[in-house]
Amino acid sequence: MADFQSEKAVVRRLHAELADAAPESVAGVLERYVTPEWLWRGMHPFHEQHGADAVARVFWAPLMTALGPLQRRPDIFIAGLNQIDGFQSLWVVQMGHLMGLFDHPFLGIRPTGKIALLRFVEFNRVADGRVAETAMFFDLPHLMIQAGQNPFPPQTGAHLVQPGPMTHDGLIHDARDPAEGHATLAAINAMLDNPGAKFHNTDEANRLARVWHDDMIWWGPAGIGATYTIQRYVRQHSIPFDQALSEGYRFNGHLCRLAEGSFGGFFGWPNLTLRNAGGYMGMTAGAGPADMRVVDMYRARDGKLAENWIFIDILHYLAMQGLDVLGRMASLSQGR
């Protein structure tokens, strides 16, 4: 049996104390669970931070002030050994929503006084009983849309508050047979190795059918949206993405890739470097290549992939092309 229970317990205790923390006490909570050299990777505009004080100051305290009392609502909770470093490091992953009352501004986004949900996924590398490294991705454009401040033109997929797994079994708190995770990781690797996952053409649906179920669900980020079935995925995401972003495509690899049970995922920093040929997110053609940081989380079924939750640091990608979405949002708020 794969037993990651002690590492999971560290992360669960951290999350429980964060749920009870106030903005002024969150740094102390983090210090009890992270290493002094803790590396935290967050999406734009937070990027890389080091140590509990910095992460508390730039991210957690402002978020707790804006969106409180903050409630963590996980849909997936898994742990596993990282394929990328030869299965040496152990990571604990949680995905779901942070929920609170949006009563104060956050990053220039105007509050609504109503419930708001922030999609998130968090990868934590646990070593010697402490969190040594974190990658936390969150869908800020999704929060903007909930506040009535959509920064993008109409998206090709559907805008939704995204549910967790259809099977409702993503919270893995007990030990699992390693064979389950190995099979899920094999399905993810088959998708990454499949030419249809990289090159979009008229045969793509047939190529994707080798690694995806026909009724696959692709839960894309705000600005792109969700789509259902292979055919609609090709029409509503693959083709638009390829037409705008095929120039200068470079895959940079992943920092972590793992699986446990029927669930797995990966992140890169950045995963991709590509140039916007024009039209993507309403942008004109980019002057040069830009980086795309991505998280993919998956549910596998019978050797193929069935569901896929995507987080993309779209704000960072656009900022590298000269469009400061958050800056524009703040300017609009000040002008009201």
C-alpha atoms as a PDB file:
ATOM      1  CA  MET A   1       0.000   0.000   0.000  1.00  0.00           C
ATOM      2  CA  ALA A   2       1.164   3.568  -0.750  1.00  0.00           C
ATOM      3  CA  ASP A   3       1.200   5.303   2.609  1.00  0.00           C
ATOM      4  CA  PHE A   4       1.517   9.087   2.437  1.00  0.00           C
ATOM      5  CA  GLN A   5      -0.571   9.630   5.544  1.00  0.00           C
ATOM      6  CA  SER A   6       1.989  11.520   7.632  1.00  0.00           C
ATOM      7  CA  GLU A   7       2.640  14.021   4.831  1.00  0.00           C
ATOM      8  CA  LYS A   8      -1.077  14.430   4.197  1.00  0.00           C
ATOM      9  CA  ALA A   9      -1.598  15.019   7.918  1.00  0.00           C
ATOM     10  CA  VAL A  10       0.906  17.901   7.874  1.00  0.00           C
ATOM     11  CA  VAL A  11      -0.980  19.627   5.057  1.00  0.00           C
ATOM     12  CA  ARG A  12      -4.381  18.977   6.607  1.00  0.00           C
ATOM     13  CA  ARG A  13      -3.271  20.494   9.918  1.00  0.00           C
ATOM     14  CA  LEU A  14      -1.878  23.521   8.077  1.00  0.00           C
ATOM     15  CA  HIS A  15      -5.152  23.995   6.216  1.00  0.00           C
ATOM     16  CA  ALA A  16      -7.177  23.616   9.417  1.00  0.00           C
ATOM     17  CA  GLU A  17      -5.154  26.317  11.163  1.00  0.00           C
ATOM     18  CA  LEU A  18      -5.348  28.614   8.129  1.00  0.00           C
ATOM     19  CA  ALA A  19      -9.131  28.308   8.266  1.00  0.00           C
ATOM     20  CA  ASP A  20      -9.095  29.704  11.819  1.00  0.00           C
ATOM     21  CA  ALA A  21      -6.411  32.354  11.204  1.00  0.00           C
ATOM     22  CA  ALA A  22      -6.915  36.097  10.939  1.00  0.00           C
ATOM     23  CA  PRO A  23      -4.927  38.318   8.549  1.00  0.00           C
ATOM     24  CA  GLU A  24      -2.676  39.441  11.409  1.00  0.00           C
ATOM     25  CA  SER A  25      -1.990  35.875  12.641  1.00  0.00           C
ATOM     26  CA  VAL A  26      -1.545  33.994   9.368  1.00  0.00           C
ATOM     27  CA  ALA A  27       2.239  34.451   9.251  1.00  0.00           C
ATOM     28  CA  GLY A  28       2.557  32.668  12.598  1.00  0.00           C
ATOM     29  CA  VAL A  29       0.456  29.775  11.342  1.00  0.00           C
ATOM     30  CA  LEU A  30       2.614  29.376   8.254  1.00  0.00           C
ATOM     31  CA  GLU A  31       5.837  29.508  10.268  1.00  0.00           C
ATOM     32  CA  ARG A  32       4.773  26.451  12.263  1.00  0.00           C
ATOM     33  CA  TYR A  33       4.419  24.328   9.126  1.00  0.00           C
ATOM     34  CA  VAL A  34       6.881  25.557   6.493  1.00  0.00           C
ATOM     35  CA  THR A  35      10.658  25.545   6.293  1.00  0.00           C
ATOM     36  CA  PRO A  36      12.603  28.806   6.695  1.00  0.00           C
ATOM     37  CA  GLU A  37      13.626  28.552   3.021  1.00  0.00           C
ATOM     38  CA  TRP A  38      10.073  27.805   1.847  1.00  0.00           C
ATOM     39  CA  LEU A  39       9.608  28.578  -1.865  1.00  0.00           C
ATOM     40  CA  TRP A  40       6.044  29.587  -2.743  1.00  0.00           C
ATOM     41  CA  ARG A  41       5.009  29.990  -6.374  1.00  0.00           C
ATOM     42  CA  GLY A  42       1.825  31.946  -7.000  1.00  0.00           C
ATOM     43  CA  MET A  43       0.135  33.226 -10.106  1.00  0.00           C
ATOM     44  CA  HIS A  44       0.457  36.814 -11.340  1.00  0.00           C
ATOM     45  CA  PRO A  45       0.910  39.267  -9.646  1.00  0.00           C
ATOM     46  CA  PHE A  46       2.439  37.258  -6.765  1.00  0.00           C
ATOM     47  CA  HIS A  47       4.985  35.069  -8.596  1.00  0.00           C
ATOM     48  CA  GLU A  48       7.759  33.611  -6.395  1.00  0.00           C
ATOM     49  CA  GLN A  49       7.927  34.390  -2.685  1.00  0.00           C
ATOM     50  CA  HIS A  50      10.269  33.073  -0.002  1.00  0.00           C
ATOM     51  CA  GLY A  51       9.363  32.411   3.620  1.00  0.00           C
ATOM     52  CA  ALA A  52       6.219  32.613   5.732  1.00  0.00           C
ATOM     53  CA  ASP A  53       6.293  36.372   6.316  1.00  0.00           C
ATOM     54  CA  ALA A  54       6.442  37.220   2.621  1.00  0.00           C
ATOM     55  CA  VAL A  55       3.643  34.844   1.621  1.00  0.00           C
ATOM     56  CA  ALA A  56       1.438  36.030   4.477  1.00  0.00           C
ATOM     57  CA  ARG A  57       2.037  39.687   3.637  1.00  0.00           C
ATOM     58  CA  VAL A  58       1.541  39.582  -0.135  1.00  0.00           C
ATOM     59  CA  PHE A  59      -1.119  36.872  -0.491  1.00  0.00           C
ATOM     60  CA  TRP A  60      -2.890  35.382   2.519  1.00  0.00           C
ATOM     61  CA  ALA A  61      -3.485  38.510   4.610  1.00  0.00           C
ATOM     62  CA  PRO A  62      -4.897  40.554   1.672  1.00  0.00           C
ATOM     63  CA  LEU A  63      -7.046  37.630   0.536  1.00  0.00           C
ATOM     64  CA  MET A  64      -8.394  36.985   4.038  1.00  0.00           C
ATOM     65  CA  THR A  65      -9.175  40.689   4.413  1.00  0.00           C
ATOM     66  CA  ALA A  66     -11.033  40.842   1.109  1.00  0.00           C
ATOM     67  CA  LEU A  67     -12.779  37.482   1.106  1.00  0.00           C
ATOM     68  CA  GLY A  68     -13.594  36.516   4.664  1.00  0.00           C
ATOM     69  CA  PRO A  69     -14.336  34.515   6.628  1.00  0.00           C
ATOM     70  CA  LEU A  70     -12.428  32.248   4.260  1.00  0.00           C
ATOM     71  CA  GLN A  71     -13.701  28.686   3.849  1.00  0.00           C
ATOM     72  CA  ARG A  72     -11.730  25.952   2.082  1.00  0.00           C
ATOM     73  CA  ARG A  73     -13.897  23.612  -0.002  1.00  0.00           C
ATOM     74  CA  PRO A  74     -11.708  20.857  -1.493  1.00  0.00           C
ATOM     75  CA  ASP A  75     -12.766  18.475  -4.252  1.00  0.00           C
ATOM     76  CA  ILE A  76      -9.493  16.590  -4.787  1.00  0.00           C
ATOM     77  CA  PHE A  77      -6.861  15.673  -2.194  1.00  0.00           C
ATOM     78  CA  ILE A  78      -4.063  13.311  -3.197  1.00  0.00           C
ATOM     79  CA  ALA A  79      -0.383  12.661  -2.578  1.00  0.00           C
ATOM     80  CA  GLY A  80       2.340  10.917  -4.512  1.00  0.00           C
ATOM     81  CA  LEU A  81       5.955  10.689  -5.535  1.00  0.00           C
ATOM     82  CA  ASN A  82       7.143  13.053  -8.252  1.00  0.00           C
ATOM     83  CA  GLN A  83       7.898  11.368 -11.577  1.00  0.00           C
ATOM     84  CA  ILE A  84       9.964  14.347 -12.733  1.00  0.00           C
ATOM     85  CA  ASP A  85      12.746  13.845 -10.162  1.00  0.00           C
ATOM     86  CA  GLY A  86      12.731  10.064 -10.419  1.00  0.00           C
ATOM     87  CA  PHE A  87      10.027   9.591  -7.757  1.00  0.00           C
ATOM     88  CA  GLN A  88      12.204  11.069  -5.025  1.00  0.00           C
ATOM     89  CA  SER A  89      10.170  13.994  -3.635  1.00  0.00           C
ATOM     90  CA  LEU A  90       6.713  13.631  -2.122  1.00  0.00           C
ATOM     91  CA  TRP A  91       3.973  16.124  -2.897  1.00  0.00           C
ATOM     92  CA  VAL A  92       0.476  16.617  -1.462  1.00  0.00           C
ATOM     93  CA  VAL A  93      -2.071  18.210  -3.799  1.00  0.00           C
ATOM     94  CA  GLN A  94      -5.426  19.812  -3.059  1.00  0.00           C
ATOM     95  CA  MET A  95      -7.878  21.326  -5.547  1.00  0.00           C
ATOM     96  CA  GLY A  96     -11.182  23.082  -4.961  1.00  0.00           C
ATOM     97  CA  HIS A  97     -12.497  26.529  -4.079  1.00  0.00           C
ATOM     98  CA  LEU A  98     -11.814  29.125  -1.420  1.00  0.00           C
ATOM     99  CA  MET A  99     -15.107  30.760  -0.458  1.00  0.00           C
ATOM    100  CA  GLY A 100     -15.888  33.917   1.460  1.00  0.00           C
ATOM    101  CA  LEU A 101     -17.888  37.118   1.490  1.00  0.00           C
ATOM    102  CA  PHE A 102     -16.320  39.513  -0.990  1.00  0.00           C
ATOM    103  CA  ASP A 103     -16.548  42.621   1.213  1.00  0.00           C
ATOM    104  CA  HIS A 104     -13.291  44.465   0.445  1.00  0.00           C
ATOM    105  CA  PRO A 105     -11.303  45.157  -2.760  1.00  0.00           C
ATOM    106  CA  PHE A 106      -8.726  42.601  -3.882  1.00  0.00           C
ATOM    107  CA  LEU A 107      -6.092  43.482  -6.502  1.00  0.00           C
ATOM    108  CA  GLY A 108      -8.313  46.259  -7.818  1.00  0.00           C
ATOM    109  CA  ILE A 109     -11.338  43.971  -8.172  1.00  0.00           C
ATOM    110  CA  ARG A 110     -14.382  45.676  -6.676  1.00  0.00           C
ATOM    111  CA  PRO A 111     -16.174  43.790  -3.856  1.00  0.00           C
ATOM    112  CA  THR A 112     -19.727  42.546  -4.272  1.00  0.00           C
ATOM    113  CA  GLY A 113     -20.808  42.020  -0.654  1.00  0.00           C
ATOM    114  CA  LYS A 114     -21.840  38.513  -1.708  1.00  0.00           C
ATOM    115  CA  ILE A 115     -20.400  35.006  -1.660  1.00  0.00           C
ATOM    116  CA  ALA A 116     -17.475  34.574  -4.037  1.00  0.00           C
ATOM    117  CA  LEU A 117     -15.507  31.475  -4.980  1.00  0.00           C
ATOM    118  CA  LEU A 118     -11.823  31.422  -5.903  1.00  0.00           C
ATOM    119  CA  ARG A 119     -10.808  28.280  -7.823  1.00  0.00           C
ATOM    120  CA  PHE A 120      -7.455  26.987  -6.627  1.00  0.00           C
ATOM    121  CA  VAL A 121      -5.044  24.092  -6.790  1.00  0.00           C
ATOM    122  CA  GLU A 122      -2.115  23.746  -4.402  1.00  0.00           C
ATOM    123  CA  PHE A 123       0.944  21.486  -4.751  1.00  0.00           C
ATOM    124  CA  ASN A 124       2.944  21.108  -1.507  1.00  0.00           C
ATOM    125  CA  ARG A 125       6.289  19.310  -1.315  1.00  0.00           C
ATOM    126  CA  VAL A 126       6.567  17.867   2.174  1.00  0.00           C
ATOM    127  CA  ALA A 127       9.950  16.851   3.615  1.00  0.00           C
ATOM    128  CA  ASP A 128      10.841  15.988   7.205  1.00  0.00           C
ATOM    129  CA  GLY A 129       7.428  16.990   8.467  1.00  0.00           C
ATOM    130  CA  ARG A 130       7.333  20.468   6.921  1.00  0.00           C
ATOM    131  CA  VAL A 131       6.228  22.074   3.685  1.00  0.00           C
ATOM    132  CA  ALA A 132       9.385  22.978   1.782  1.00  0.00           C
ATOM    133  CA  GLU A 133       7.901  24.123  -1.544  1.00  0.00           C
ATOM    134  CA  THR A 134       4.476  25.155  -2.794  1.00  0.00           C
ATOM    135  CA  ALA A 135       2.870  25.971  -6.118  1.00  0.00           C
ATOM    136  CA  MET A 136      -0.534  27.604  -5.696  1.00  0.00           C
ATOM    137  CA  PHE A 137      -2.562  28.384  -8.801  1.00  0.00           C
ATOM    138  CA  PHE A 138      -5.858  30.289  -8.622  1.00  0.00           C
ATOM    139  CA  ASP A 139      -8.285  31.594 -11.219  1.00  0.00           C
ATOM    140  CA  LEU A 140      -8.364  35.359 -10.651  1.00  0.00           C
ATOM    141  CA  PRO A 141     -10.257  36.080 -13.907  1.00  0.00           C
ATOM    142  CA  HIS A 142     -13.005  33.777 -12.617  1.00  0.00           C
ATOM    143  CA  LEU A 143     -13.252  35.970  -9.508  1.00  0.00           C
ATOM    144  CA  MET A 144     -13.409  39.075 -11.726  1.00  0.00           C
ATOM    145  CA  ILE A 145     -16.286  37.620 -13.717  1.00  0.00           C
ATOM    146  CA  GLN A 146     -18.216  36.844 -10.515  1.00  0.00           C
ATOM    147  CA  ALA A 147     -17.753  40.509  -9.577  1.00  0.00           C
ATOM    148  CA  GLY A 148     -19.146  41.635 -12.950  1.00  0.00           C
ATOM    149  CA  GLN A 149     -15.735  42.748 -14.247  1.00  0.00           C
ATOM    150  CA  ASN A 150     -14.981  40.321 -17.069  1.00  0.00           C
ATOM    151  CA  PRO A 151     -11.671  41.421 -18.637  1.00  0.00           C
ATOM    152  CA  PHE A 152     -11.991  39.202 -21.739  1.00  0.00           C
ATOM    153  CA  PRO A 153     -14.071  39.019 -24.900  1.00  0.00           C
ATOM    154  CA  PRO A 154     -16.630  36.168 -25.166  1.00  0.00           C
ATOM    155  CA  GLN A 155     -14.936  32.840 -24.537  1.00  0.00           C
ATOM    156  CA  THR A 156     -15.276  29.730 -26.680  1.00  0.00           C
ATOM    157  CA  GLY A 157     -16.307  27.432 -23.803  1.00  0.00           C
ATOM    158  CA  ALA A 158     -18.857  27.803 -21.007  1.00  0.00           C
ATOM    159  CA  HIS A 159     -18.330  29.951 -17.914  1.00  0.00           C
ATOM    160  CA  LEU A 160     -19.256  27.927 -14.847  1.00  0.00           C
ATOM    161  CA  VAL A 161     -18.568  27.563 -11.155  1.00  0.00           C
ATOM    162  CA  GLN A 162     -16.829  24.277 -11.711  1.00  0.00           C
ATOM    163  CA  PRO A 163     -17.786  21.159  -9.766  1.00  0.00           C
ATOM    164  CA  GLY A 164     -15.434  18.499  -8.501  1.00  0.00           C
ATOM    165  CA  PRO A 165     -15.227  14.964  -9.877  1.00  0.00           C
ATOM    166  CA  MET A 166     -18.420  13.407 -11.193  1.00  0.00           C
ATOM    167  CA  THR A 167     -17.620  10.354  -9.055  1.00  0.00           C
ATOM    168  CA  HIS A 168     -17.327  12.419  -5.826  1.00  0.00           C
ATOM    169  CA  ASP A 169     -14.318  10.373  -4.710  1.00  0.00           C
ATOM    170  CA  GLY A 170     -11.468  12.856  -5.119  1.00  0.00           C
ATOM    171  CA  LEU A 171     -10.690  13.279  -1.413  1.00  0.00           C
ATOM    172  CA  ILE A 172      -8.245  10.429  -0.779  1.00  0.00           C
ATOM    173  CA  HIS A 173      -7.545  10.391   2.929  1.00  0.00           C
ATOM    174  CA  ASP A 174      -6.688   6.703   3.256  1.00  0.00           C
ATOM    175  CA  ALA A 175      -3.909   4.536   1.830  1.00  0.00           C
ATOM    176  CA  ARG A 176      -4.407   3.249  -1.724  1.00  0.00           C
ATOM    177  CA  ASP A 177      -3.011   0.421  -3.790  1.00  0.00           C
ATOM    178  CA  PRO A 178      -0.061   1.921  -5.715  1.00  0.00           C
ATOM    179  CA  ALA A 179      -1.225   0.099  -8.849  1.00  0.00           C
ATOM    180  CA  GLU A 180      -4.178   2.498  -9.116  1.00  0.00           C
ATOM    181  CA  GLY A 181      -1.918   5.540  -9.140  1.00  0.00           C
ATOM    182  CA  HIS A 182       0.497   3.893 -11.566  1.00  0.00           C
ATOM    183  CA  ALA A 183      -2.370   3.280 -14.009  1.00  0.00           C
ATOM    184  CA  THR A 184      -3.559   6.878 -13.726  1.00  0.00           C
ATOM    185  CA  LEU A 185      -0.040   8.215 -14.240  1.00  0.00           C
ATOM    186  CA  ALA A 186       0.327   5.961 -17.290  1.00  0.00           C
ATOM    187  CA  ALA A 187      -2.877   7.437 -18.746  1.00  0.00           C
ATOM    188  CA  ILE A 188      -1.569  10.980 -18.176  1.00  0.00           C
ATOM    189  CA  ASN A 189       1.770  10.129 -19.771  1.00  0.00           C
ATOM    190  CA  ALA A 190       0.019   8.550 -22.737  1.00  0.00           C
ATOM    191  CA  MET A 191      -1.909  11.788 -23.246  1.00  0.00           C
ATOM    192  CA  LEU A 192       1.305  13.830 -23.103  1.00  0.00           C
ATOM    193  CA  ASP A 193       3.001  11.505 -25.595  1.00  0.00           C
ATOM    194  CA  ASN A 194       0.024  11.437 -27.948  1.00  0.00           C
ATOM    195  CA  PRO A 195       0.582  13.599 -31.078  1.00  0.00           C
ATOM    196  CA  GLY A 196      -3.059  14.651 -30.963  1.00  0.00           C
ATOM    197  CA  ALA A 197      -2.402  16.452 -27.703  1.00  0.00           C
ATOM    198  CA  LYS A 198       0.164  18.706 -29.356  1.00  0.00           C
ATOM    199  CA  PHE A 199      -0.822  19.190 -32.988  1.00  0.00           C
ATOM    200  CA  HIS A 200      -4.351  20.153 -33.911  1.00  0.00           C
ATOM    201  CA  ASN A 201      -5.613  19.022 -37.294  1.00  0.00           C
ATOM    202  CA  THR A 202      -8.609  17.314 -38.835  1.00  0.00           C
ATOM    203  CA  ASP A 203      -7.562  13.958 -37.354  1.00  0.00           C
ATOM    204  CA  GLU A 204      -7.290  15.231 -33.809  1.00  0.00           C
ATOM    205  CA  ALA A 205     -10.568  13.764 -32.571  1.00  0.00           C
ATOM    206  CA  ASN A 206      -9.399  10.306 -33.613  1.00  0.00           C
ATOM    207  CA  ARG A 207      -6.019  10.848 -31.984  1.00  0.00           C
ATOM    208  CA  LEU A 208      -7.549  12.081 -28.736  1.00  0.00           C
ATOM    209  CA  ALA A 209      -9.902   9.103 -28.633  1.00  0.00           C
ATOM    210  CA  ARG A 210      -6.873   6.897 -27.960  1.00  0.00           C
ATOM    211  CA  VAL A 211      -6.335   8.511 -24.563  1.00  0.00           C
ATOM    212  CA  TRP A 212      -9.651  10.262 -23.714  1.00  0.00           C
ATOM    213  CA  HIS A 213     -13.149   8.914 -23.197  1.00  0.00           C
ATOM    214  CA  ASP A 214     -15.623  10.238 -25.753  1.00  0.00           C
ATOM    215  CA  ASP A 215     -17.622  11.924 -22.975  1.00  0.00           C
ATOM    216  CA  MET A 216     -14.567  13.684 -21.540  1.00  0.00           C
ATOM    217  CA  ILE A 217     -15.092  16.916 -19.616  1.00  0.00           C
ATOM    218  CA  TRP A 218     -12.520  19.697 -19.930  1.00  0.00           C
ATOM    219  CA  TRP A 219     -12.880  22.251 -17.138  1.00  0.00           C
ATOM    220  CA  GLY A 220     -10.929  25.140 -18.640  1.00  0.00           C
ATOM    221  CA  PRO A 221     -10.050  28.425 -16.907  1.00  0.00           C
ATOM    222  CA  ALA A 222     -12.035  31.644 -17.125  1.00  0.00           C
ATOM    223  CA  GLY A 223     -11.362  33.271 -20.468  1.00  0.00           C
ATOM    224  CA  ILE A 224     -11.492  29.908 -22.238  1.00  0.00           C
ATOM    225  CA  GLY A 225     -14.253  28.049 -20.411  1.00  0.00           C
ATOM    226  CA  ALA A 226     -15.415  24.472 -20.007  1.00  0.00           C
ATOM    227  CA  THR A 227     -16.335  22.039 -22.750  1.00  0.00           C
ATOM    228  CA  TYR A 228     -17.789  18.515 -22.979  1.00  0.00           C
ATOM    229  CA  THR A 229     -17.069  15.585 -25.361  1.00  0.00           C
ATOM    230  CA  ILE A 230     -14.045  15.216 -27.595  1.00  0.00           C
ATOM    231  CA  GLN A 231     -15.730  16.832 -30.594  1.00  0.00           C
ATOM    232  CA  ARG A 232     -16.717  19.971 -28.697  1.00  0.00           C
ATOM    233  CA  TYR A 233     -13.295  20.131 -27.011  1.00  0.00           C
ATOM    234  CA  VAL A 234     -11.638  20.182 -30.427  1.00  0.00           C
ATOM    235  CA  ARG A 235     -14.044  22.833 -31.730  1.00  0.00           C
ATOM    236  CA  GLN A 236     -14.219  25.047 -28.638  1.00  0.00           C
ATOM    237  CA  HIS A 237     -10.643  24.857 -27.367  1.00  0.00           C
ATOM    238  CA  SER A 238      -8.053  23.003 -29.460  1.00  0.00           C
ATOM    239  CA  ILE A 239      -8.638  24.710 -32.783  1.00  0.00           C
ATOM    240  CA  PRO A 240      -8.964  28.289 -31.394  1.00  0.00           C
ATOM    241  CA  PHE A 241      -5.907  27.735 -29.182  1.00  0.00           C
ATOM    242  CA  ASP A 242      -3.827  26.351 -32.034  1.00  0.00           C
ATOM    243  CA  GLN A 243      -4.843  29.022 -34.514  1.00  0.00           C
ATOM    244  CA  ALA A 244      -3.741  31.788 -32.154  1.00  0.00           C
ATOM    245  CA  LEU A 245      -0.815  30.188 -30.321  1.00  0.00           C
ATOM    246  CA  SER A 246       0.951  27.790 -32.658  1.00  0.00           C
ATOM    247  CA  GLU A 247       3.873  30.092 -33.487  1.00  0.00           C
ATOM    248  CA  GLY A 248       7.121  29.551 -31.630  1.00  0.00           C
ATOM    249  CA  TYR A 249       5.669  26.693 -29.565  1.00  0.00           C
ATOM    250  CA  ARG A 250       8.112  25.285 -27.026  1.00  0.00           C
ATOM    251  CA  PHE A 251       7.390  22.744 -24.304  1.00  0.00           C
ATOM    252  CA  ASN A 252       9.522  23.490 -21.237  1.00  0.00           C
ATOM    253  CA  GLY A 253       8.603  20.449 -19.163  1.00  0.00           C
ATOM    254  CA  HIS A 254       7.071  20.011 -15.721  1.00  0.00           C
ATOM    255  CA  LEU A 255       8.353  20.457 -12.178  1.00  0.00           C
ATOM    256  CA  CYS A 256       5.986  17.912 -10.669  1.00  0.00           C
ATOM    257  CA  ARG A 257       3.846  15.076 -12.050  1.00  0.00           C
ATOM    258  CA  LEU A 258       2.126  12.515  -9.815  1.00  0.00           C
ATOM    259  CA  ALA A 259      -0.972  10.404  -9.291  1.00  0.00           C
ATOM    260  CA  GLU A 260      -2.828   8.574  -6.552  1.00  0.00           C
ATOM    261  CA  GLY A 261      -5.891   6.436  -7.046  1.00  0.00           C
ATOM    262  CA  SER A 262      -7.867   7.656 -10.061  1.00  0.00           C
ATOM    263  CA  PHE A 263      -6.492  11.202  -9.824  1.00  0.00           C
ATOM    264  CA  GLY A 264      -3.276  12.897 -10.881  1.00  0.00           C
ATOM    265  CA  GLY A 265      -1.790  16.028 -12.309  1.00  0.00           C
ATOM    266  CA  PHE A 266       1.205  18.207 -13.008  1.00  0.00           C
ATOM    267  CA  PHE A 267       2.473  21.766 -13.077  1.00  0.00           C
ATOM    268  CA  GLY A 268       5.259  23.618 -14.847  1.00  0.00           C
ATOM    269  CA  TRP A 269       6.972  26.967 -14.304  1.00  0.00           C
ATOM    270  CA  PRO A 270       6.452  27.657 -17.174  1.00  0.00           C
ATOM    271  CA  ASN A 271       5.112  24.660 -19.078  1.00  0.00           C
ATOM    272  CA  LEU A 272       4.995  26.372 -22.463  1.00  0.00           C
ATOM    273  CA  THR A 273       6.485  29.285 -24.331  1.00  0.00           C
ATOM    274  CA  LEU A 274       4.524  30.463 -27.374  1.00  0.00           C
ATOM    275  CA  ARG A 275       3.704  33.537 -29.381  1.00  0.00           C
ATOM    276  CA  ASN A 276       0.235  34.981 -29.789  1.00  0.00           C
ATOM    277  CA  ALA A 277      -0.361  35.259 -33.515  1.00  0.00           C
ATOM    278  CA  GLY A 278      -3.379  37.482 -32.842  1.00  0.00           C
ATOM    279  CA  GLY A 279      -6.869  37.085 -31.412  1.00  0.00           C
ATOM    280  CA  TYR A 280      -6.091  35.126 -28.262  1.00  0.00           C
ATOM    281  CA  MET A 281      -7.923  36.734 -25.300  1.00  0.00           C
ATOM    282  CA  GLY A 282      -8.649  39.692 -27.558  1.00  0.00           C
ATOM    283  CA  MET A 283      -4.947  40.507 -27.935  1.00  0.00           C
ATOM    284  CA  THR A 284      -3.274  41.675 -31.088  1.00  0.00           C
ATOM    285  CA  ALA A 285      -0.296  39.647 -32.250  1.00  0.00           C
ATOM    286  CA  GLY A 286       2.441  39.472 -29.650  1.00  0.00           C
ATOM    287  CA  ALA A 287       5.797  41.072 -30.325  1.00  0.00           C
ATOM    288  CA  GLY A 288       7.544  37.946 -29.107  1.00  0.00           C
ATOM    289  CA  PRO A 289       7.085  34.692 -27.217  1.00  0.00           C
ATOM    290  CA  ALA A 290       5.569  34.604 -23.735  1.00  0.00           C
ATOM    291  CA  ASP A 291       5.463  31.994 -20.983  1.00  0.00           C
ATOM    292  CA  MET A 292       2.415  30.005 -19.975  1.00  0.00           C
ATOM    293  CA  ARG A 293       2.288  28.465 -16.483  1.00  0.00           C
ATOM    294  CA  VAL A 294      -0.230  25.619 -16.363  1.00  0.00           C
ATOM    295  CA  VAL A 295      -1.691  23.069 -13.964  1.00  0.00           C
ATOM    296  CA  ASP A 296      -3.620  20.048 -15.230  1.00  0.00           C
ATOM    297  CA  MET A 297      -5.557  17.814 -12.830  1.00  0.00           C
ATOM    298  CA  TYR A 298      -7.157  14.600 -14.116  1.00  0.00           C
ATOM    299  CA  ARG A 299      -9.582  11.840 -13.285  1.00  0.00           C
ATOM    300  CA  ALA A 300      -8.947   8.546 -15.057  1.00  0.00           C
ATOM    301  CA  ARG A 301     -11.387   5.732 -15.740  1.00  0.00           C
ATOM    302  CA  ASP A 302     -10.598   2.311 -17.205  1.00  0.00           C
ATOM    303  CA  GLY A 303      -7.204   3.353 -18.525  1.00  0.00           C
ATOM    304  CA  LYS A 304      -8.318   6.583 -20.214  1.00  0.00           C
ATOM    305  CA  LEU A 305      -8.842  10.151 -19.025  1.00  0.00           C
ATOM    306  CA  ALA A 306     -12.380  11.243 -18.172  1.00  0.00           C
ATOM    307  CA  GLU A 307     -12.107  14.713 -16.574  1.00  0.00           C
ATOM    308  CA  ASN A 308      -9.487  17.486 -16.725  1.00  0.00           C
ATOM    309  CA  TRP A 309      -9.328  20.657 -14.614  1.00  0.00           C
ATOM    310  CA  ILE A 310      -7.064  23.381 -16.041  1.00  0.00           C
ATOM    311  CA  PHE A 311      -5.415  26.374 -14.393  1.00  0.00           C
ATOM    312  CA  ILE A 312      -3.467  28.784 -16.605  1.00  0.00           C
ATOM    313  CA  ASP A 313      -1.704  31.933 -15.418  1.00  0.00           C
ATOM    314  CA  ILE A 314      -3.395  33.915 -18.159  1.00  0.00           C
ATOM    315  CA  LEU A 315      -2.740  37.250 -16.440  1.00  0.00           C
ATOM    316  CA  HIS A 316       1.005  36.552 -16.482  1.00  0.00           C
ATOM    317  CA  TYR A 317       0.900  35.507 -20.150  1.00  0.00           C
ATOM    318  CA  LEU A 318      -0.897  38.719 -21.091  1.00  0.00           C
ATOM    319  CA  ALA A 319       1.377  40.861 -18.889  1.00  0.00           C
ATOM    320  CA  MET A 320       4.397  39.528 -20.788  1.00  0.00           C
ATOM    321  CA  GLN A 321       2.743  40.891 -23.935  1.00  0.00           C
ATOM    322  CA  GLY A 322       2.178  44.328 -22.417  1.00  0.00           C
ATOM    323  CA  LEU A 323      -1.421  43.995 -21.191  1.00  0.00           C
ATOM    324  CA  ASP A 324      -1.711  44.604 -17.430  1.00  0.00           C
ATOM    325  CA  VAL A 325      -5.244  43.350 -16.789  1.00  0.00           C
ATOM    326  CA  LEU A 326      -5.117  43.987 -13.034  1.00  0.00           C
ATOM    327  CA  GLY A 327      -3.666  47.465 -13.524  1.00  0.00           C
ATOM    328  CA  ARG A 328      -6.467  48.309 -15.905  1.00  0.00           C
ATOM    329  CA  MET A 329      -8.993  46.917 -13.410  1.00  0.00           C
ATOM    330  CA  ALA A 330      -7.578  49.093 -10.623  1.00  0.00           C
ATOM    331  CA  SER A 331      -7.648  52.181 -12.837  1.00  0.00           C
ATOM    332  CA  LEU A 332     -11.279  51.583 -13.708  1.00  0.00           C
ATOM    333  CA  SER A 333     -12.138  51.141 -10.012  1.00  0.00           C
ATOM    334  CA  GLN A 334     -10.421  54.402  -9.068  1.00  0.00           C
ATOM    335  CA  GLY A 335     -12.251  56.250 -11.806  1.00  0.00           C
ATOM    336  CA  ARG A 336     -15.691  55.323 -10.531  1.00  0.00           C
END
